[in-house]
Protein backbone atom coordinates (compact mmCIF):
# COMPACT_ATOMS: atom_id res chain seq x y z
CA UNK A 1 -95.15 -23.48 -73.72
CA UNK A 2 -95.91 -20.77 -71.22
CA UNK A 3 -92.96 -21.93 -69.18
CA UNK A 4 -90.68 -21.51 -72.16
CA UNK A 5 -91.98 -18.00 -72.82
CA UNK A 6 -91.61 -17.09 -69.16
CA UNK A 7 -88.06 -18.51 -69.18
CA UNK A 8 -87.13 -16.39 -72.22
CA UNK A 9 -88.45 -13.19 -70.73
CA UNK A 10 -86.62 -13.65 -67.41
CA UNK A 11 -83.11 -13.03 -68.76
CA UNK A 12 -84.53 -10.13 -70.73
CA UNK A 13 -85.64 -8.59 -67.42
CA UNK A 14 -82.19 -9.12 -66.02
CA UNK A 15 -80.69 -7.46 -69.04
CA UNK A 16 -82.95 -4.46 -68.54
CA UNK A 17 -82.02 -4.28 -64.88
CA UNK A 18 -78.30 -4.55 -65.53
CA UNK A 19 -78.65 -2.01 -68.32
CA UNK A 20 -80.25 0.39 -65.89
CA UNK A 21 -77.47 -0.16 -63.40
CA UNK A 22 -74.82 0.51 -66.05
CA UNK A 23 -76.58 3.69 -67.14
CA UNK A 24 -76.84 4.80 -63.51
CA UNK A 25 -73.14 4.15 -62.93
CA UNK A 26 -72.25 6.05 -66.10
CA UNK A 27 -74.35 8.99 -64.95
CA UNK A 28 -72.60 8.94 -61.57
CA UNK A 29 -69.16 8.92 -63.23
CA UNK A 30 -70.23 11.78 -65.49
CA UNK A 31 -71.48 13.72 -62.47
CA UNK A 32 -68.20 13.16 -60.66
CA UNK A 33 -66.32 14.28 -63.71
CA UNK A 34 -68.34 17.46 -64.00
CA UNK A 35 -68.08 18.18 -60.28
CA UNK A 36 -64.31 17.92 -60.48
CA UNK A 37 -64.23 20.70 -63.04
CA UNK A 38 -64.97 23.47 -60.53
CA UNK A 39 -62.23 22.01 -58.31
CA UNK A 40 -59.83 22.22 -61.20
CA UNK A 41 -60.92 25.76 -61.90
CA UNK A 42 -60.57 26.60 -58.22
CA UNK A 43 -57.06 25.20 -58.10
CA UNK A 44 -56.22 27.13 -61.24
CA UNK A 45 -57.57 30.32 -59.76
CA UNK A 46 -55.72 29.70 -56.50
CA UNK A 47 -52.60 29.07 -58.53
CA UNK A 48 -53.18 32.37 -60.28
CA UNK A 49 -53.66 34.00 -56.91
CA UNK A 50 -50.41 32.46 -55.69
CA UNK A 51 -48.78 33.77 -58.81
CA UNK A 52 -49.64 37.29 -57.75
CA UNK A 53 -47.50 37.04 -54.61
CA UNK A 54 -44.35 38.26 -56.40
CA UNK A 55 -46.08 41.65 -56.56
CA UNK A 56 -45.30 41.87 -52.84
CA UNK A 57 -41.66 41.00 -53.50
CA UNK A 58 -39.00 42.35 -51.17
CA UNK A 59 -36.98 45.27 -52.57
CA UNK A 60 -33.55 46.23 -51.32
CA UNK A 61 -32.41 49.76 -52.16
CA UNK A 62 -29.75 52.28 -51.14
CA UNK A 63 -30.40 55.53 -49.33
CA UNK A 64 -28.40 58.20 -47.55
CA UNK A 65 -28.69 57.97 -43.77
CA UNK A 66 -27.27 60.79 -41.67
CA UNK A 67 -23.92 59.89 -40.16
CA UNK A 68 -23.45 56.74 -42.23
CA UNK A 69 -23.57 57.77 -45.87
CA UNK A 70 -25.41 55.62 -48.41
CA UNK A 71 -26.56 52.35 -46.85
CA UNK A 72 -29.03 49.57 -47.55
CA UNK A 73 -32.74 50.05 -46.81
CA UNK A 74 -35.86 47.96 -47.36
CA UNK A 75 -38.88 48.85 -49.47
CA UNK A 76 -40.24 51.11 -46.71
CA UNK A 77 -36.95 52.98 -46.43
CA UNK A 78 -35.98 51.43 -43.09
CA UNK A 79 -32.28 50.92 -42.44
CA UNK A 80 -30.97 47.37 -42.82
CA UNK A 81 -28.38 45.68 -40.62
CA UNK A 82 -26.09 42.66 -40.54
CA UNK A 83 -24.77 40.70 -37.53
CA UNK A 84 -21.04 39.95 -37.35
CA UNK A 85 -21.62 36.40 -36.05
CA UNK A 86 -23.46 35.54 -39.26
CA UNK A 87 -20.49 35.81 -41.60
CA UNK A 88 -20.90 33.51 -44.57
CA UNK A 89 -24.68 33.28 -44.10
CA UNK A 90 -24.69 31.27 -40.87
CA UNK A 91 -27.95 32.20 -39.13
CA UNK A 92 -27.59 32.89 -35.40
CA UNK A 93 -30.44 35.39 -35.03
CA UNK A 94 -33.55 33.20 -34.74
CA UNK A 95 -37.07 33.31 -33.39
CA UNK A 96 -36.23 30.58 -30.86
CA UNK A 97 -33.64 32.74 -29.08
CA UNK A 98 -35.85 35.85 -29.25
CA UNK A 99 -33.56 37.71 -31.63
CA UNK A 100 -36.03 38.25 -34.47
CA UNK A 101 -38.45 39.96 -32.08
CA UNK A 102 -35.93 42.78 -31.83
CA UNK A 103 -34.21 42.39 -35.18
CA UNK A 104 -36.88 41.25 -37.69
CA UNK A 105 -35.32 39.30 -40.54
CA UNK A 106 -35.90 40.21 -44.18
CA UNK A 107 -37.70 37.06 -45.29
CA UNK A 108 -39.16 36.41 -48.72
CA UNK A 109 -42.91 35.87 -49.01
CA UNK A 110 -44.08 32.41 -50.06
CA UNK A 111 -43.84 31.92 -53.80
CA UNK A 112 -40.83 34.19 -54.31
CA UNK A 113 -37.22 33.07 -54.55
CA UNK A 114 -35.29 36.33 -54.80
CA UNK A 115 -35.38 39.94 -53.67
CA UNK A 116 -35.52 42.80 -56.15
CA UNK A 117 -32.64 45.22 -56.52
CA UNK A 118 -33.85 48.78 -56.11
CA UNK A 119 -32.10 52.08 -56.74
CA UNK A 120 -28.34 51.99 -56.12
CA UNK A 121 -28.15 48.23 -55.50
CA UNK A 122 -26.46 45.58 -57.66
CA UNK A 123 -28.70 42.54 -58.10
CA UNK A 124 -25.62 40.29 -58.24
CA UNK A 125 -24.98 41.10 -54.57
CA UNK A 126 -28.38 39.83 -53.48
CA UNK A 127 -28.90 36.25 -52.41
CA UNK A 128 -30.82 34.05 -49.98
CA UNK A 129 -30.16 31.65 -47.13
CA UNK A 130 -32.57 29.30 -45.35
CA UNK A 131 -33.30 30.00 -41.71
CA UNK A 132 -34.05 27.36 -39.06
CA UNK A 133 -37.71 27.26 -40.14
CA UNK A 134 -36.84 26.71 -43.79
CA UNK A 135 -37.84 30.23 -44.84
CA UNK A 136 -35.72 32.12 -47.33
CA UNK A 137 -33.95 35.09 -45.78
CA UNK A 138 -32.48 37.80 -47.99
CA UNK A 139 -28.71 38.30 -47.97
CA UNK A 140 -26.43 40.99 -49.38
CA UNK A 141 -22.83 40.03 -50.10
CA UNK A 142 -23.55 36.92 -48.02
CA UNK A 143 -24.84 38.84 -44.98
CA UNK A 144 -28.42 38.05 -43.84
CA UNK A 145 -30.39 41.30 -43.54
CA UNK A 146 -32.48 42.66 -40.66
CA UNK A 147 -34.31 45.78 -39.56
CA UNK A 148 -34.21 47.08 -35.97
CA UNK A 149 -37.33 47.44 -33.83
CA UNK A 150 -35.76 50.43 -32.06
CA UNK A 151 -35.69 52.53 -35.25
CA UNK A 152 -38.55 55.02 -35.37
CA UNK A 153 -38.75 54.91 -39.17
CA UNK A 154 -36.84 55.72 -42.37
CA UNK A 155 -33.55 57.53 -41.80
CA UNK A 156 -33.03 56.13 -38.29
CA UNK A 157 -30.10 53.83 -37.50
CA UNK A 158 -30.16 53.37 -33.73
CA UNK A 159 -29.18 49.73 -34.04
CA UNK A 160 -25.70 50.62 -35.28
CA UNK A 161 -22.89 49.24 -33.11
CA UNK A 162 -25.11 47.30 -30.69
CA UNK A 163 -23.45 44.13 -29.39
CA UNK A 164 -26.21 41.59 -28.95
CA UNK A 165 -26.99 37.95 -29.80
CA UNK A 166 -23.43 36.81 -30.26
CA UNK A 167 -22.13 39.64 -32.41
CA UNK A 168 -22.27 43.32 -33.29
CA UNK A 169 -24.86 44.92 -35.54
CA UNK A 170 -23.85 47.26 -38.34
CA UNK A 171 -25.46 48.94 -41.30
CA UNK A 172 -24.22 47.87 -44.74
CA UNK A 173 -22.94 50.03 -47.57
CA UNK A 174 -23.64 49.31 -51.25
CA UNK A 175 -20.39 47.34 -51.53
CA UNK A 176 -21.76 44.89 -48.99
CA UNK A 177 -19.36 45.92 -46.23
CA UNK A 178 -20.29 46.84 -42.64
CA UNK A 179 -20.17 50.54 -41.83
CA UNK A 180 -18.57 50.43 -38.40
CA UNK A 181 -19.06 53.22 -35.90
CA UNK A 182 -16.55 54.49 -33.38
CA UNK A 183 -19.01 54.29 -30.49
CA UNK A 184 -20.53 50.77 -30.11
CA UNK A 185 -23.75 50.72 -28.12
CA UNK A 186 -23.24 47.51 -26.17
CA UNK A 187 -26.27 46.48 -24.17
CA UNK A 188 -28.64 49.18 -25.38
CA UNK A 189 -30.95 46.96 -27.38
CA UNK A 190 -34.64 46.91 -26.35
CA UNK A 191 -35.61 44.13 -23.97
CA UNK A 192 -37.54 41.07 -25.08
CA UNK A 193 -39.45 39.35 -22.32
CA UNK A 194 -37.32 38.48 -19.29
CA UNK A 195 -34.14 38.47 -21.37
CA UNK A 196 -33.62 42.21 -21.15
CA UNK A 197 -31.05 44.03 -23.22
CA UNK A 198 -27.38 43.46 -23.84
CA UNK A 199 -26.11 40.23 -22.32
CA UNK A 200 -29.49 39.14 -21.00
CA UNK A 201 -29.49 36.17 -23.36
CA UNK A 202 -26.21 34.74 -22.13
CA UNK A 203 -24.08 35.80 -25.10
């Protein structure tokens, strides 16, 4: 009789044990579920933070520069240039050949897909092209845009007419056409490393 009672209670003990294990597993799952909530919130907040990047969007405007009339400038008022070898948006000024150290490209920040048209600029003329690194570079009338490291600040256009990196650099007017000068400055670009100015890069 005692054996029968003992035999009946044994499965009951197993049921209690398995019940405890199930409850423990459920608690673990619940804990994992609750711990994932902050991660979701974090990703949402990071997404919101990423969404704020357009506030730093690139703006292309028009401004009068002495000797050249009204030309394109960036958001800081610095004169913008195009390179004749890049007709049709073909990028030849890259970081690998040292060009962008002298002629920084106008690249869009991560999270943005277009530049903003500022005063005097038609938004329909703005576009983008991917550079060798996959970054979006701003174009105007199909010309990729750059600033010049040799310009002291807004209103300067010392890069005009320089022949360097396979072509000649010109400022752009609001119609998207190069404003050519009568006195090209071949070989007067600042040096970059051992390359030097002008034809130091084998162009």
